[in-house]
Amino acid sequence: MEIEANKSSTNSALSELLAVANKENQMLRELVEEVRKRAEMSESALQILSNHIEKKSQKETRPSLLQRIIVPIGKAIRIPRRKKHQEQERHPPNLDR
C-alpha cells in the first residue's frame, strides 16, 4: 500500500513537473517568435537606413541631374506636341471651308 502511495505521489509530482516544463517551453517559443520578428524589423530598418545613407553619399552632379530630372521632364513635354503635330500631318486642316 505504501508503494502505491509512493507511485501516486511520484506520478503526481512528475505530472506537475511536466506541466511546468510545457508552460516554460511555450513561453520560450513565444520569446523566440518575438525575437525573430524584431530581428526582421531590425533588418528592414538597417536596409532602409543603408539605402538612405547611400543616396546621401552620392553627390549630385550636373550630368546626373540632367539625366534624372530635366531630360524626363523635357520628354514629357515634347511627346504630346509630337503626337499633336503628327496628327495634323495625317489629317491636314480643311481649307475649303
PDB file of N, CA and C in Angstrom:
ATOM      1  N   MET A   1       0.806  -1.183   0.000  1.00  0.00           N
ATOM      2  CA  MET A   1       0.000   0.000   0.000  1.00  0.00           C
ATOM      3  C   MET A   1       0.859   1.261   0.000  1.00  0.00           C
ATOM      4  N   GLU A   2       1.933   1.168   0.747  1.00  0.00           N
ATOM      5  CA  GLU A   2       2.852   2.303   0.804  1.00  0.00           C
ATOM      6  C   GLU A   2       3.499   2.540  -0.559  1.00  0.00           C
ATOM      7  N   ILE A   3       3.775   1.453  -1.278  1.00  0.00           N
ATOM      8  CA  ILE A   3       4.370   1.554  -2.615  1.00  0.00           C
ATOM      9  C   ILE A   3       3.394   2.235  -3.567  1.00  0.00           C
ATOM     10  N   GLU A   4       2.111   1.892  -3.445  1.00  0.00           N
ATOM     11  CA  GLU A   4       1.079   2.527  -4.280  1.00  0.00           C
ATOM     12  C   GLU A   4       1.018   4.021  -3.993  1.00  0.00           C
ATOM     13  N   ALA A   5       1.114   4.399  -2.742  1.00  0.00           N
ATOM     14  CA  ALA A   5       1.073   5.814  -2.361  1.00  0.00           C
ATOM     15  C   ALA A   5       2.292   6.541  -2.916  1.00  0.00           C
ATOM     16  N   ASN A   6       3.452   5.878  -2.842  1.00  0.00           N
ATOM     17  CA  ASN A   6       4.668   6.497  -3.382  1.00  0.00           C
ATOM     18  C   ASN A   6       4.578   6.661  -4.898  1.00  0.00           C
ATOM     19  N   LYS A   7       4.030   5.651  -5.589  1.00  0.00           N
ATOM     20  CA  LYS A   7       3.861   5.740  -7.043  1.00  0.00           C
ATOM     21  C   LYS A   7       2.912   6.874  -7.400  1.00  0.00           C
ATOM     22  N   SER A   8       1.849   6.974  -6.628  1.00  0.00           N
ATOM     23  CA  SER A   8       0.859   8.007  -6.890  1.00  0.00           C
ATOM     24  C   SER A   8       1.459   9.396  -6.680  1.00  0.00           C
ATOM     25  N   SER A   9       2.184   9.570  -5.585  1.00  0.00           N
ATOM     26  CA  SER A   9       2.790  10.888  -5.329  1.00  0.00           C
ATOM     27  C   SER A   9       3.895  11.184  -6.347  1.00  0.00           C
ATOM     28  N   THR A  10       4.626  10.146  -6.760  1.00  0.00           N
ATOM     29  CA  THR A  10       5.664  10.331  -7.774  1.00  0.00           C
ATOM     30  C   THR A  10       5.034  10.723  -9.104  1.00  0.00           C
ATOM     31  N   ASN A  11       3.955  10.038  -9.475  1.00  0.00           N
ATOM     32  CA  ASN A  11       3.253  10.374 -10.723  1.00  0.00           C
ATOM     33  C   ASN A  11       2.690  11.784 -10.662  1.00  0.00           C
ATOM     34  N   SER A  12       2.164  12.154  -9.516  1.00  0.00           N
ATOM     35  CA  SER A  12       1.610  13.493  -9.351  1.00  0.00           C
ATOM     36  C   SER A  12       2.712  14.544  -9.484  1.00  0.00           C
ATOM     37  N   ALA A  13       3.846  14.293  -8.852  1.00  0.00           N
ATOM     38  CA  ALA A  13       4.969  15.236  -8.930  1.00  0.00           C
ATOM     39  C   ALA A  13       5.498  15.323 -10.356  1.00  0.00           C
ATOM     40  N   LEU A  14       5.591  14.173 -11.026  1.00  0.00           N
ATOM     41  CA  LEU A  14       6.055  14.174 -12.415  1.00  0.00           C
ATOM     42  C   LEU A  14       5.077  14.919 -13.326  1.00  0.00           C
ATOM     43  N   SER A  15       3.789  14.751 -13.073  1.00  0.00           N
ATOM     44  CA  SER A  15       2.775  15.458 -13.865  1.00  0.00           C
ATOM     45  C   SER A  15       2.908  16.967 -13.681  1.00  0.00           C
ATOM     46  N   GLU A  16       3.142  17.384 -12.443  1.00  0.00           N
ATOM     47  CA  GLU A  16       3.318  18.816 -12.180  1.00  0.00           C
ATOM     48  C   GLU A  16       4.575  19.342 -12.873  1.00  0.00           C
ATOM     49  N   LEU A  17       5.658  18.576 -12.778  1.00  0.00           N
ATOM     50  CA  LEU A  17       6.894  18.983 -13.449  1.00  0.00           C
ATOM     51  C   LEU A  17       6.705  19.067 -14.959  1.00  0.00           C
ATOM     52  N   LEU A  18       5.979  18.099 -15.509  1.00  0.00           N
ATOM     53  CA  LEU A  18       5.714  18.107 -16.943  1.00  0.00           C
ATOM     54  C   LEU A  18       4.877  19.320 -17.337  1.00  0.00           C
ATOM     55  N   ALA A  19       3.882  19.662 -16.524  1.00  0.00           N
ATOM     56  CA  ALA A  19       3.043  20.827 -16.806  1.00  0.00           C
ATOM     57  C   ALA A  19       3.879  22.109 -16.777  1.00  0.00           C
ATOM     58  N   VAL A  20       4.758  22.212 -15.780  1.00  0.00           N
ATOM     59  CA  VAL A  20       5.621  23.395 -15.676  1.00  0.00           C
ATOM     60  C   VAL A  20       6.576  23.458 -16.874  1.00  0.00           C
ATOM     61  N   ALA A  21       7.153  22.322 -17.243  1.00  0.00           N
ATOM     62  CA  ALA A  21       8.074  22.280 -18.382  1.00  0.00           C
ATOM     63  C   ALA A  21       7.359  22.663 -19.677  1.00  0.00           C
ATOM     64  N   ASN A  22       6.129  22.174 -19.855  1.00  0.00           N
ATOM     65  CA  ASN A  22       5.355  22.524 -21.054  1.00  0.00           C
ATOM     66  C   ASN A  22       5.064  24.022 -21.104  1.00  0.00           C
ATOM     67  N   LYS A  23       4.721  24.583 -19.940  1.00  0.00           N
ATOM     68  CA  LYS A  23       4.432  26.012 -19.887  1.00  0.00           C
ATOM     69  C   LYS A  23       5.690  26.827 -20.213  1.00  0.00           C
ATOM     70  N   GLU A  24       6.824  26.431 -19.641  1.00  0.00           N
ATOM     71  CA  GLU A  24       8.078  27.123 -19.932  1.00  0.00           C
ATOM     72  C   GLU A  24       8.462  26.968 -21.403  1.00  0.00           C
ATOM     73  N   ASN A  25       8.227  25.796 -21.951  1.00  0.00           N
ATOM     74  CA  ASN A  25       8.510  25.554 -23.365  1.00  0.00           C
ATOM     75  C   ASN A  25       7.677  26.488 -24.244  1.00  0.00           C
ATOM     76  N   GLN A  26       6.398  26.630 -23.912  1.00  0.00           N
ATOM     77  CA  GLN A  26       5.520  27.523 -24.673  1.00  0.00           C
ATOM     78  C   GLN A  26       5.997  28.973 -24.567  1.00  0.00           C
ATOM     79  N   MET A  27       6.394  29.379 -23.360  1.00  0.00           N
ATOM     80  CA  MET A  27       6.894  30.744 -23.174  1.00  0.00           C
ATOM     81  C   MET A  27       8.166  30.973 -23.993  1.00  0.00           C
ATOM     82  N   LEU A  28       9.044  29.982 -24.015  1.00  0.00           N
ATOM     83  CA  LEU A  28      10.274  30.101 -24.800  1.00  0.00           C
ATOM     84  C   LEU A  28       9.971  30.189 -26.294  1.00  0.00           C
ATOM     85  N   ARG A  29       9.007  29.425 -26.763  1.00  0.00           N
ATOM     86  CA  ARG A  29       8.611  29.503 -28.181  1.00  0.00           C
ATOM     87  C   ARG A  29       8.095  30.893 -28.525  1.00  0.00           C
ATOM     88  N   GLU A  30       7.285  31.459 -27.624  1.00  0.00           N
ATOM     89  CA  GLU A  30       6.763  32.805 -27.853  1.00  0.00           C
ATOM     90  C   GLU A  30       7.898  33.829 -27.874  1.00  0.00           C
ATOM     91  N   LEU A  31       8.867  33.660 -26.967  1.00  0.00           N
ATOM     92  CA  LEU A  31      10.017  34.565 -26.950  1.00  0.00           C
ATOM     93  C   LEU A  31      10.835  34.455 -28.237  1.00  0.00           C
ATOM     94  N   VAL A  32      11.042  33.231 -28.704  1.00  0.00           N
ATOM     95  CA  VAL A  32      11.791  33.030 -29.950  1.00  0.00           C
ATOM     96  C   VAL A  32      11.060  33.697 -31.115  1.00  0.00           C
ATOM     97  N   GLU A  33       9.744  33.563 -31.156  1.00  0.00           N
ATOM     98  CA  GLU A  33       8.957  34.188 -32.224  1.00  0.00           C
ATOM     99  C   GLU A  33       9.081  35.713 -32.162  1.00  0.00           C
ATOM    100  N   GLU A  34       9.022  36.265 -30.953  1.00  0.00           N
ATOM    101  CA  GLU A  34       9.174  37.711 -30.782  1.00  0.00           C
ATOM    102  C   GLU A  34      10.567  38.172 -31.224  1.00  0.00           C
ATOM    103  N   VAL A  35      11.584  37.409 -30.877  1.00  0.00           N
ATOM    104  CA  VAL A  35      12.955  37.747 -31.279  1.00  0.00           C
ATOM    105  C   VAL A  35      13.082  37.706 -32.799  1.00  0.00           C
ATOM    106  N   ARG A  36      12.470  36.730 -33.438  1.00  0.00           N
ATOM    107  CA  ARG A  36      12.513  36.650 -34.914  1.00  0.00           C
ATOM    108  C   ARG A  36      11.861  37.869 -35.549  1.00  0.00           C
ATOM    109  N   LYS A  37      10.695  38.258 -35.008  1.00  0.00           N
ATOM    110  CA  LYS A  37      10.003  39.427 -35.551  1.00  0.00           C
ATOM    111  C   LYS A  37      10.861  40.676 -35.405  1.00  0.00           C
ATOM    112  N   ARG A  38      11.459  40.839 -34.228  1.00  0.00           N
ATOM    113  CA  ARG A  38      12.299  42.022 -34.001  1.00  0.00           C
ATOM    114  C   ARG A  38      13.532  42.002 -34.897  1.00  0.00           C
ATOM    115  N   ALA A  39      14.091  40.823 -35.116  1.00  0.00           N
ATOM    116  CA  ALA A  39      15.260  40.716 -35.999  1.00  0.00           C
ATOM    117  C   ALA A  39      14.882  41.107 -37.423  1.00  0.00           C
ATOM    118  N   GLU A  40      13.708  40.680 -37.888  1.00  0.00           N
ATOM    119  CA  GLU A  40      13.256  41.044 -39.234  1.00  0.00           C
ATOM    120  C   GLU A  40      13.035  42.549 -39.334  1.00  0.00           C
ATOM    121  N   MET A  41      12.428  43.131 -38.283  1.00  0.00           N
ATOM    122  CA  MET A  41      12.206  44.575 -38.293  1.00  0.00           C
ATOM    123  C   MET A  41      13.534  45.321 -38.284  1.00  0.00           C
ATOM    124  N   SER A  42      14.486  44.843 -37.506  1.00  0.00           N
ATOM    125  CA  SER A  42      15.803  45.483 -37.456  1.00  0.00           C
ATOM    126  C   SER A  42      16.500  45.382 -38.804  1.00  0.00           C
ATOM    127  N   GLU A  43      16.373  44.231 -39.446  1.00  0.00           N
ATOM    128  CA  GLU A  43      16.988  44.046 -40.758  1.00  0.00           C
ATOM    129  C   GLU A  43      16.383  45.009 -41.773  1.00  0.00           C
ATOM    130  N   SER A  44      15.053  45.154 -41.731  1.00  0.00           N
ATOM    131  CA  SER A  44      14.392  46.090 -42.643  1.00  0.00           C
ATOM    132  C   SER A  44      14.836  47.523 -42.364  1.00  0.00           C
ATOM    133  N   ALA A  45      14.907  47.870 -41.083  1.00  0.00           N
ATOM    134  CA  ALA A  45      15.326  49.225 -40.718  1.00  0.00           C
ATOM    135  C   ALA A  45      16.759  49.489 -41.168  1.00  0.00           C
ATOM    136  N   LEU A  46      17.629  48.514 -41.003  1.00  0.00           N
ATOM    137  CA  LEU A  46      19.019  48.680 -41.443  1.00  0.00           C
ATOM    138  C   LEU A  46      19.102  48.839 -42.954  1.00  0.00           C
ATOM    139  N   GLN A  47      18.282  48.101 -43.684  1.00  0.00           N
ATOM    140  CA  GLN A  47      18.278  48.208 -45.147  1.00  0.00           C
ATOM    141  C   GLN A  47      17.826  49.597 -45.582  1.00  0.00           C
ATOM    142  N   ILE A  48      16.765  50.098 -44.951  1.00  0.00           N
ATOM    143  CA  ILE A  48      16.266  51.438 -45.285  1.00  0.00           C
ATOM    144  C   ILE A  48      17.325  52.485 -44.963  1.00  0.00           C
ATOM    145  N   LEU A  49      17.936  52.361 -43.783  1.00  0.00           N
ATOM    146  CA  LEU A  49      18.974  53.307 -43.380  1.00  0.00           C
ATOM    147  C   LEU A  49      20.170  53.245 -44.323  1.00  0.00           C
ATOM    148  N   SER A  50      20.549  52.047 -44.705  1.00  0.00           N
ATOM    149  CA  SER A  50      21.673  51.868 -45.627  1.00  0.00           C
ATOM    150  C   SER A  50      21.383  52.533 -46.967  1.00  0.00           C
ATOM    151  N   ASN A  51      20.167  52.333 -47.483  1.00  0.00           N
ATOM    152  CA  ASN A  51      19.787  52.964 -48.755  1.00  0.00           C
ATOM    153  C   ASN A  51      19.813  54.481 -48.634  1.00  0.00           C
ATOM    154  N   HIS A  52      19.326  54.989 -47.505  1.00  0.00           N
ATOM    155  CA  HIS A  52      19.283  56.434 -47.292  1.00  0.00           C
ATOM    156  C   HIS A  52      20.700  57.008 -47.245  1.00  0.00           C
ATOM    157  N   ILE A  53      21.582  56.339 -46.516  1.00  0.00           N
ATOM    158  CA  ILE A  53      22.968  56.801 -46.412  1.00  0.00           C
ATOM    159  C   ILE A  53      23.651  56.731 -47.774  1.00  0.00           C
ATOM    160  N   GLU A  54      23.377  55.668 -48.518  1.00  0.00           N
ATOM    161  CA  GLU A  54      23.978  55.509 -49.845  1.00  0.00           C
ATOM    162  C   GLU A  54      23.549  56.640 -50.769  1.00  0.00           C
ATOM    163  N   LYS A  55      22.273  57.008 -50.716  1.00  0.00           N
ATOM    164  CA  LYS A  55      21.781  58.092 -51.566  1.00  0.00           C
ATOM    165  C   LYS A  55      22.423  59.418 -51.166  1.00  0.00           C
ATOM    166  N   LYS A  56      22.568  59.636 -49.860  1.00  0.00           N
ATOM    167  CA  LYS A  56      23.166  60.887 -49.389  1.00  0.00           C
ATOM    168  C   LYS A  56      24.634  60.981 -49.785  1.00  0.00           C
ATOM    169  N   SER A  57      25.317  59.847 -49.818  1.00  0.00           N
ATOM    170  CA  SER A  57      26.749  59.869 -50.107  1.00  0.00           C
ATOM    171  C   SER A  57      27.038  60.118 -51.583  1.00  0.00           C
ATOM    172  N   GLN A  58      26.068  59.838 -52.438  1.00  0.00           N
ATOM    173  CA  GLN A  58      26.268  60.089 -53.870  1.00  0.00           C
ATOM    174  C   GLN A  58      26.034  61.574 -54.130  1.00  0.00           C
ATOM    175  N   LYS A  59      27.074  62.257 -54.573  1.00  0.00           N
ATOM    176  CA  LYS A  59      26.916  63.681 -54.838  1.00  0.00           C
ATOM    177  C   LYS A  59      26.174  63.863 -56.154  1.00  0.00           C
ATOM    178  N   GLU A  60      25.311  64.837 -56.153  1.00  0.00           N
ATOM    179  CA  GLU A  60      24.518  65.134 -57.339  1.00  0.00           C
ATOM    180  C   GLU A  60      25.384  65.936 -58.306  1.00  0.00           C
ATOM    181  N   THR A  61      25.680  65.370 -59.436  1.00  0.00           N
ATOM    182  CA  THR A  61      26.472  66.079 -60.438  1.00  0.00           C
ATOM    183  C   THR A  61      25.534  66.618 -61.498  1.00  0.00           C
ATOM    184  N   ARG A  62      26.013  67.554 -62.243  1.00  0.00           N
ATOM    185  CA  ARG A  62      25.170  68.173 -63.260  1.00  0.00           C
ATOM    186  C   ARG A  62      24.679  67.161 -64.303  1.00  0.00           C
ATOM    187  N   PRO A  63      25.537  66.290 -64.846  1.00  0.00           N
ATOM    188  CA  PRO A  63      25.037  65.313 -65.825  1.00  0.00           C
ATOM    189  C   PRO A  63      23.980  64.380 -65.232  1.00  0.00           C
ATOM    190  N   SER A  64      24.179  63.940 -63.989  1.00  0.00           N
ATOM    191  CA  SER A  64      23.174  63.037 -63.423  1.00  0.00           C
ATOM    192  C   SER A  64      21.884  63.790 -63.146  1.00  0.00           C
ATOM    193  N   LEU A  65      21.995  65.062 -62.761  1.00  0.00           N
ATOM    194  CA  LEU A  65      20.799  65.873 -62.556  1.00  0.00           C
ATOM    195  C   LEU A  65      20.041  66.007 -63.873  1.00  0.00           C
ATOM    196  N   LEU A  66      20.780  66.250 -64.950  1.00  0.00           N
ATOM    197  CA  LEU A  66      20.138  66.344 -66.259  1.00  0.00           C
ATOM    198  C   LEU A  66      19.448  65.041 -66.631  1.00  0.00           C
ATOM    199  N   GLN A  67      20.148  63.933 -66.447  1.00  0.00           N
ATOM    200  CA  GLN A  67      19.591  62.633 -66.826  1.00  0.00           C
ATOM    201  C   GLN A  67      18.385  62.263 -65.973  1.00  0.00           C
ATOM    202  N   ARG A  68      18.456  62.572 -64.676  1.00  0.00           N
ATOM    203  CA  ARG A  68      17.394  62.099 -63.786  1.00  0.00           C
ATOM    204  C   ARG A  68      16.170  63.005 -63.773  1.00  0.00           C
ATOM    205  N   ILE A  69      16.354  64.302 -63.977  1.00  0.00           N
ATOM    206  CA  ILE A  69      15.233  65.216 -63.785  1.00  0.00           C
ATOM    207  C   ILE A  69      14.871  65.969 -65.061  1.00  0.00           C
ATOM    208  N   ILE A  70      15.817  66.663 -65.625  1.00  0.00           N
ATOM    209  CA  ILE A  70      15.497  67.574 -66.723  1.00  0.00           C
ATOM    210  C   ILE A  70      15.130  66.828 -67.997  1.00  0.00           C
ATOM    211  N   VAL A  71      15.863  65.788 -68.357  1.00  0.00           N
ATOM    212  CA  VAL A  71      15.560  65.040 -69.581  1.00  0.00           C
ATOM    213  C   VAL A  71      14.167  64.421 -69.525  1.00  0.00           C
ATOM    214  N   PRO A  72      13.779  63.735 -68.442  1.00  0.00           N
ATOM    215  CA  PRO A  72      12.418  63.190 -68.417  1.00  0.00           C
ATOM    216  C   PRO A  72      11.336  64.262 -68.502  1.00  0.00           C
ATOM    217  N   ILE A  73      11.586  65.419 -67.889  1.00  0.00           N
ATOM    218  CA  ILE A  73      10.603  66.500 -67.980  1.00  0.00           C
ATOM    219  C   ILE A  73      10.497  66.973 -69.427  1.00  0.00           C
ATOM    220  N   GLY A  74      11.636  67.128 -70.076  1.00  0.00           N
ATOM    221  CA  GLY A  74      11.630  67.546 -71.479  1.00  0.00           C
ATOM    222  C   GLY A  74      10.918  66.543 -72.363  1.00  0.00           C
ATOM    223  N   LYS A  75      11.154  65.274 -72.114  1.00  0.00           N
ATOM    224  CA  LYS A  75      10.475  64.240 -72.899  1.00  0.00           C
ATOM    225  C   LYS A  75       8.974  64.286 -72.660  1.00  0.00           C
ATOM    226  N   ALA A  76       8.581  64.485 -71.433  1.00  0.00           N
ATOM    227  CA  ALA A  76       7.153  64.532 -71.119  1.00  0.00           C
ATOM    228  C   ALA A  76       6.487  65.716 -71.801  1.00  0.00           C
ATOM    229  N   ILE A  77       7.207  66.813 -71.921  1.00  0.00           N
ATOM    230  CA  ILE A  77       6.636  67.998 -72.568  1.00  0.00           C
ATOM    231  C   ILE A  77       6.588  67.818 -74.082  1.00  0.00           C
ATOM    232  N   ARG A  78       7.625  67.230 -74.667  1.00  0.00           N
ATOM    233  CA  ARG A  78       7.702  67.114 -76.125  1.00  0.00           C
ATOM    234  C   ARG A  78       6.804  66.030 -76.695  1.00  0.00           C
ATOM    235  N   ILE A  79       6.600  64.948 -76.009  1.00  0.00           N
ATOM    236  CA  ILE A  79       5.836  63.829 -76.571  1.00  0.00           C
ATOM    237  C   ILE A  79       4.423  64.245 -76.971  1.00  0.00           C
ATOM    238  N   PRO A  80       3.679  64.939 -76.120  1.00  0.00           N
ATOM    239  CA  PRO A  80       2.339  65.343 -76.572  1.00  0.00           C
ATOM    240  C   PRO A  80       2.383  66.268 -77.788  1.00  0.00           C
ATOM    241  N   ARG A  81       3.385  67.135 -77.881  1.00  0.00           N
ATOM    242  CA  ARG A  81       3.480  68.021 -79.042  1.00  0.00           C
ATOM    243  C   ARG A  81       3.735  67.222 -80.313  1.00  0.00           C
ATOM    244  N   ARG A  82       4.576  66.228 -80.229  1.00  0.00           N
ATOM    245  CA  ARG A  82       4.856  65.397 -81.400  1.00  0.00           C
ATOM    246  C   ARG A  82       3.599  64.673 -81.846  1.00  0.00           C
ATOM    247  N   LYS A  83       2.868  64.129 -80.908  1.00  0.00           N
ATOM    248  CA  LYS A  83       1.648  63.415 -81.281  1.00  0.00           C
ATOM    249  C   LYS A  83       0.676  64.365 -81.967  1.00  0.00           C
ATOM    250  N   LYS A  84       0.533  65.544 -81.412  1.00  0.00           N
ATOM    251  CA  LYS A  84      -0.392  66.509 -81.992  1.00  0.00           C
ATOM    252  C   LYS A  84       0.085  66.911 -83.391  1.00  0.00           C
ATOM    253  N   HIS A  85       1.374  67.130 -83.535  1.00  0.00           N
ATOM    254  CA  HIS A  85       1.946  67.514 -84.826  1.00  0.00           C
ATOM    255  C   HIS A  85       1.774  66.392 -85.853  1.00  0.00           C
ATOM    256  N   GLN A  86       1.981  65.150 -85.439  1.00  0.00           N
ATOM    257  CA  GLN A  86       1.837  64.019 -86.348  1.00  0.00           C
ATOM    258  C   GLN A  86       0.390  63.865 -86.797  1.00  0.00           C
ATOM    259  N   GLU A  87      -0.563  64.113 -85.910  1.00  0.00           N
ATOM    260  CA  GLU A  87      -1.976  64.002 -86.290  1.00  0.00           C
ATOM    261  C   GLU A  87      -2.335  65.065 -87.324  1.00  0.00           C
ATOM    262  N   GLN A  88      -1.775  66.259 -87.180  1.00  0.00           N
ATOM    263  CA  GLN A  88      -2.064  67.314 -88.144  1.00  0.00           C
ATOM    264  C   GLN A  88      -1.501  66.972 -89.515  1.00  0.00           C
ATOM    265  N   GLU A  89      -0.359  66.302 -89.566  1.00  0.00           N
ATOM    266  CA  GLU A  89       0.214  65.902 -90.848  1.00  0.00           C
ATOM    267  C   GLU A  89      -0.655  64.849 -91.517  1.00  0.00           C
ATOM    268  N   ARG A  90      -1.207  63.947 -90.734  1.00  0.00           N
ATOM    269  CA  ARG A  90      -2.066  62.903 -91.305  1.00  0.00           C
ATOM    270  C   ARG A  90      -3.379  63.483 -91.804  1.00  0.00           C
ATOM    271  N   HIS A  91      -3.942  64.383 -91.022  1.00  0.00           N
ATOM    272  CA  HIS A  91      -5.228  64.991 -91.366  1.00  0.00           C
ATOM    273  C   HIS A  91      -5.038  66.506 -91.465  1.00  0.00           C
ATOM    274  N   PRO A  92      -4.625  66.985 -92.617  1.00  0.00           N
ATOM    275  CA  PRO A  92      -4.421  68.438 -92.732  1.00  0.00           C
ATOM    276  C   PRO A  92      -5.749  69.170 -92.552  1.00  0.00           C
ATOM    277  N   PRO A  93      -5.686  70.376 -92.058  1.00  0.00           N
ATOM    278  CA  PRO A  93      -6.935  71.120 -91.849  1.00  0.00           C
ATOM    279  C   PRO A  93      -7.646  71.357 -93.183  1.00  0.00           C
ATOM    280  N   ASN A  94      -8.944  71.344 -93.132  1.00  0.00           N
ATOM    281  CA  ASN A  94      -9.759  71.524 -94.329  1.00  0.00           C
ATOM    282  C   ASN A  94      -9.804  73.011 -94.661  1.00  0.00           C
ATOM    283  N   LEU A  95      -9.158  73.399 -95.753  1.00  0.00           N
ATOM    284  CA  LEU A  95      -9.083  74.809 -96.122  1.00  0.00           C
ATOM    285  C   LEU A  95     -10.243  75.235 -97.014  1.00  0.00           C
ATOM    286  N   ASP A  96     -11.096  74.298 -97.430  1.00  0.00           N
ATOM    287  CA  ASP A  96     -12.215  74.613 -98.309  1.00  0.00           C
ATOM    288  C   ASP A  96     -13.309  75.363 -97.578  1.00  0.00           C
ATOM    289  N   ARG A  97     -13.346  75.291 -96.330  1.00  0.00           N
ATOM    290  CA  ARG A  97     -14.450  75.908 -95.575  1.00  0.00           C
ATOM    291  C   ARG A  97     -14.366  77.359 -95.576  1.00  0.00           C
TER     292      ARG A  97
END
